[in-house]
Amino acid sequence: MKSLDQTPAGSTSDTAPEQAVASLVIGSQVGELVALASGRGLCGLYFGHRIDRVSLPGGGSGNELLGEVEAQFDEYFSGRRTAFDLPLDAAGTPFQLAVWERLSAIPFGQTRSYRDIAVELGKPGASRAVGLANGANPISVVVPCHRVIGADGSLTGFGGGLAIKQRLLEHEGVLLAVA
């Protein structure tokens, strides 16, 4: 098994999506999460170590949507929620949006491989393209990119770091803790 680092080696910071008008930092069992809202919905959910804080808009403490995001994450991490019910406003290519829609259909406590997603999209040779779209997902956890694993069942790349991916999957009952 690969080493599970807190922060991916050579990681770069993402910037807030252009449509973001408010942000809120949320504490969680996997570290700080940065939620971003547009006028239409949740447009970003990033792990705190992965977002350029300078790019964040203010105004999150009074934003009703971001308050609901925080409440739903509290429920998720306390074991009282297995699916998020939030309006989303992710910006991406048609292929990325199709991949993210498939990710959203993966139930809590289950995983799929990149190949599984490619086959579901009718593009069985597009596993790598699915991986790239998965990596570009701007709404982590809510659009559960952490539920995508290698075809051999291994943990594979994750923007938040493999340690966070493992903790999220363990929280959902997918993986046993590694000693």
Foldseek 3Di string as FASTA:
>chain_A
DDDFDQADPPAEADADDPQFAAWDWAQDPSGIWIWTAGPFWTAAIHHPVRHDPVRGHHDHVPDPRSVLVNVQRVCLRVVNDFADDIGYDYDDDPVLVLLLVVLNPAGQLAAEELQRSCVVVVRNVCSVVSVVSLQVDRYDPNSPSLRYDHPVRHRDDDNSTSVSSVVSNVSSVHDDDDD
